[in-house]
Amino acid sequence: FRNNMVGLNDYVHLVTNLAQGFSVMIIETKVYSS
């Protein structure tokens, strides 16, 4: 169970990082295009 929780934690962390990077990319695209 503990290993499962660690895996879940890593997954959440990865998704959060991806989401942040994605929104930064979108913001930069909007800034450059305007």
PDB file of N, CA and C in Angstrom:
ATOM      1  N   PHE A   1       0.840  -1.209   0.000  1.00  0.00           N
ATOM      2  CA  PHE A   1       0.000   0.000   0.000  1.00  0.00           C
ATOM      3  C   PHE A   1       0.871   1.254   0.000  1.00  0.00           C
ATOM      4  N   ARG A   2       1.941   1.209   0.793  1.00  0.00           N
ATOM      5  CA  ARG A   2       2.825   2.372   0.864  1.00  0.00           C
ATOM      6  C   ARG A   2       3.451   2.646  -0.508  1.00  0.00           C
ATOM      7  N   ASN A   3       3.900   1.587  -1.167  1.00  0.00           N
ATOM      8  CA  ASN A   3       4.479   1.753  -2.500  1.00  0.00           C
ATOM      9  C   ASN A   3       3.453   2.327  -3.462  1.00  0.00           C
ATOM     10  N   ASN A   4       2.219   1.874  -3.327  1.00  0.00           N
ATOM     11  CA  ASN A   4       1.141   2.358  -4.177  1.00  0.00           C
ATOM     12  C   ASN A   4       0.931   3.852  -3.955  1.00  0.00           C
ATOM     13  N   MET A   5       0.975   4.277  -2.699  1.00  0.00           N
ATOM     14  CA  MET A   5       0.780   5.689  -2.371  1.00  0.00           C
ATOM     15  C   MET A   5       1.907   6.530  -2.959  1.00  0.00           C
ATOM     16  N   VAL A   6       3.138   6.031  -2.875  1.00  0.00           N
ATOM     17  CA  VAL A   6       4.283   6.757  -3.431  1.00  0.00           C
ATOM     18  C   VAL A   6       4.114   6.899  -4.935  1.00  0.00           C
ATOM     19  N   GLY A   7       3.686   5.828  -5.593  1.00  0.00           N
ATOM     20  CA  GLY A   7       3.466   5.871  -7.038  1.00  0.00           C
ATOM     21  C   GLY A   7       2.392   6.889  -7.381  1.00  0.00           C
ATOM     22  N   LEU A   8       1.336   6.902  -6.579  1.00  0.00           N
ATOM     23  CA  LEU A   8       0.241   7.847  -6.805  1.00  0.00           C
ATOM     24  C   LEU A   8       0.736   9.272  -6.614  1.00  0.00           C
ATOM     25  N   ASN A   9       1.549   9.475  -5.575  1.00  0.00           N
ATOM     26  CA  ASN A   9       2.119  10.792  -5.299  1.00  0.00           C
ATOM     27  C   ASN A   9       2.964  11.272  -6.474  1.00  0.00           C
ATOM     28  N   ASP A  10       3.824  10.391  -6.984  1.00  0.00           N
ATOM     29  CA  ASP A  10       4.669  10.731  -8.132  1.00  0.00           C
ATOM     30  C   ASP A  10       3.806  11.083  -9.331  1.00  0.00           C
ATOM     31  N   TYR A  11       2.730  10.317  -9.524  1.00  0.00           N
ATOM     32  CA  TYR A  11       1.836  10.538 -10.660  1.00  0.00           C
ATOM     33  C   TYR A  11       1.180  11.913 -10.561  1.00  0.00           C
ATOM     34  N   VAL A  12       0.681  12.239  -9.374  1.00  0.00           N
ATOM     35  CA  VAL A  12       0.048  13.545  -9.154  1.00  0.00           C
ATOM     36  C   VAL A  12       1.059  14.656  -9.393  1.00  0.00           C
ATOM     37  N   HIS A  13       2.278  14.467  -8.900  1.00  0.00           N
ATOM     38  CA  HIS A  13       3.341  15.460  -9.065  1.00  0.00           C
ATOM     39  C   HIS A  13       3.643  15.667 -10.544  1.00  0.00           C
ATOM     40  N   LEU A  14       3.737  14.565 -11.278  1.00  0.00           N
ATOM     41  CA  LEU A  14       4.032  14.624 -12.709  1.00  0.00           C
ATOM     42  C   LEU A  14       2.927  15.359 -13.457  1.00  0.00           C
ATOM     43  N   VAL A  15       1.682  15.018 -13.151  1.00  0.00           N
ATOM     44  CA  VAL A  15       0.539  15.660 -13.812  1.00  0.00           C
ATOM     45  C   VAL A  15       0.516  17.153 -13.496  1.00  0.00           C
ATOM     46  N   THR A  16       0.819  17.498 -12.239  1.00  0.00           N
ATOM     47  CA  THR A  16       0.839  18.910 -11.849  1.00  0.00           C
ATOM     48  C   THR A  16       1.902  19.668 -12.631  1.00  0.00           C
ATOM     49  N   ASN A  17       3.096  19.084 -12.723  1.00  0.00           N
ATOM     50  CA  ASN A  17       4.181  19.714 -13.483  1.00  0.00           C
ATOM     51  C   ASN A  17       3.794  19.876 -14.943  1.00  0.00           C
ATOM     52  N   LEU A  18       3.180  18.840 -15.519  1.00  0.00           N
ATOM     53  CA  LEU A  18       2.748  18.887 -16.916  1.00  0.00           C
ATOM     54  C   LEU A  18       1.732  20.003 -17.108  1.00  0.00           C
ATOM     55  N   ALA A  19       0.767  20.092 -16.209  1.00  0.00           N
ATOM     56  CA  ALA A  19      -0.281  21.107 -16.313  1.00  0.00           C
ATOM     57  C   ALA A  19       0.317  22.505 -16.220  1.00  0.00           C
ATOM     58  N   GLN A  20       1.262  22.692 -15.299  1.00  0.00           N
ATOM     59  CA  GLN A  20       1.902  24.002 -15.150  1.00  0.00           C
ATOM     60  C   GLN A  20       2.677  24.363 -16.407  1.00  0.00           C
ATOM     61  N   GLY A  21       3.459  23.422 -16.917  1.00  0.00           N
ATOM     62  CA  GLY A  21       4.232  23.657 -18.132  1.00  0.00           C
ATOM     63  C   GLY A  21       3.321  23.969 -19.305  1.00  0.00           C
ATOM     64  N   PHE A  22       2.190  23.269 -19.364  1.00  0.00           N
ATOM     65  CA  PHE A  22       1.255  23.465 -20.465  1.00  0.00           C
ATOM     66  C   PHE A  22       0.633  24.856 -20.409  1.00  0.00           C
ATOM     67  N   SER A  23       0.212  25.290 -19.221  1.00  0.00           N
ATOM     68  CA  SER A  23      -0.403  26.614 -19.100  1.00  0.00           C
ATOM     69  C   SER A  23       0.615  27.707 -19.378  1.00  0.00           C
ATOM     70  N   VAL A  24       1.864  27.494 -18.985  1.00  0.00           N
ATOM     71  CA  VAL A  24       2.921  28.467 -19.284  1.00  0.00           C
ATOM     72  C   VAL A  24       3.094  28.577 -20.795  1.00  0.00           C
ATOM     73  N   MET A  25       3.072  27.422 -21.470  1.00  0.00           N
ATOM     74  CA  MET A  25       3.206  27.402 -22.926  1.00  0.00           C
ATOM     75  C   MET A  25       2.063  28.177 -23.577  1.00  0.00           C
ATOM     76  N   ILE A  26       0.843  27.954 -23.095  1.00  0.00           N
ATOM     77  CA  ILE A  26      -0.331  28.634 -23.658  1.00  0.00           C
ATOM     78  C   ILE A  26      -0.220  30.138 -23.431  1.00  0.00           C
ATOM     79  N   ILE A  27       0.175  30.539 -22.227  1.00  0.00           N
ATOM     80  CA  ILE A  27       0.314  31.965 -21.903  1.00  0.00           C
ATOM     81  C   ILE A  27       1.365  32.607 -22.800  1.00  0.00           C
ATOM     82  N   GLU A  28       2.509  31.942 -22.966  1.00  0.00           N
ATOM     83  CA  GLU A  28       3.573  32.483 -23.812  1.00  0.00           C
ATOM     84  C   GLU A  28       3.098  32.609 -25.252  1.00  0.00           C
ATOM     85  N   THR A  29       2.346  31.623 -25.717  1.00  0.00           N
ATOM     86  CA  THR A  29       1.830  31.660 -27.088  1.00  0.00           C
ATOM     87  C   THR A  29       0.903  32.857 -27.260  1.00  0.00           C
ATOM     88  N   LYS A  30       0.049  33.095 -26.275  1.00  0.00           N
ATOM     89  CA  LYS A  30      -0.872  34.234 -26.345  1.00  0.00           C
ATOM     90  C   LYS A  30      -0.090  35.545 -26.347  1.00  0.00           C
ATOM     91  N   VAL A  31       0.935  35.622 -25.511  1.00  0.00           N
ATOM     92  CA  VAL A  31       1.735  36.847 -25.410  1.00  0.00           C
ATOM     93  C   VAL A  31       2.446  37.120 -26.726  1.00  0.00           C
ATOM     94  N   TYR A  32       3.032  36.072 -27.312  1.00  0.00           N
ATOM     95  CA  TYR A  32       3.787  36.262 -28.552  1.00  0.00           C
ATOM     96  C   TYR A  32       2.877  36.582 -29.729  1.00  0.00           C
ATOM     97  N   SER A  33       1.663  36.029 -29.734  1.00  0.00           N
ATOM     98  CA  SER A  33       0.784  36.216 -30.888  1.00  0.00           C
ATOM     99  C   SER A  33       0.080  37.562 -30.832  1.00  0.00           C
ATOM    100  N   SER A  34      -0.027  38.171 -29.644  1.00  0.00           N
ATOM    101  CA  SER A  34      -0.752  39.443 -29.538  1.00  0.00           C
ATOM    102  C   SER A  34       0.166  40.633 -29.785  1.00  0.00           C
TER     103      SER A  34
END
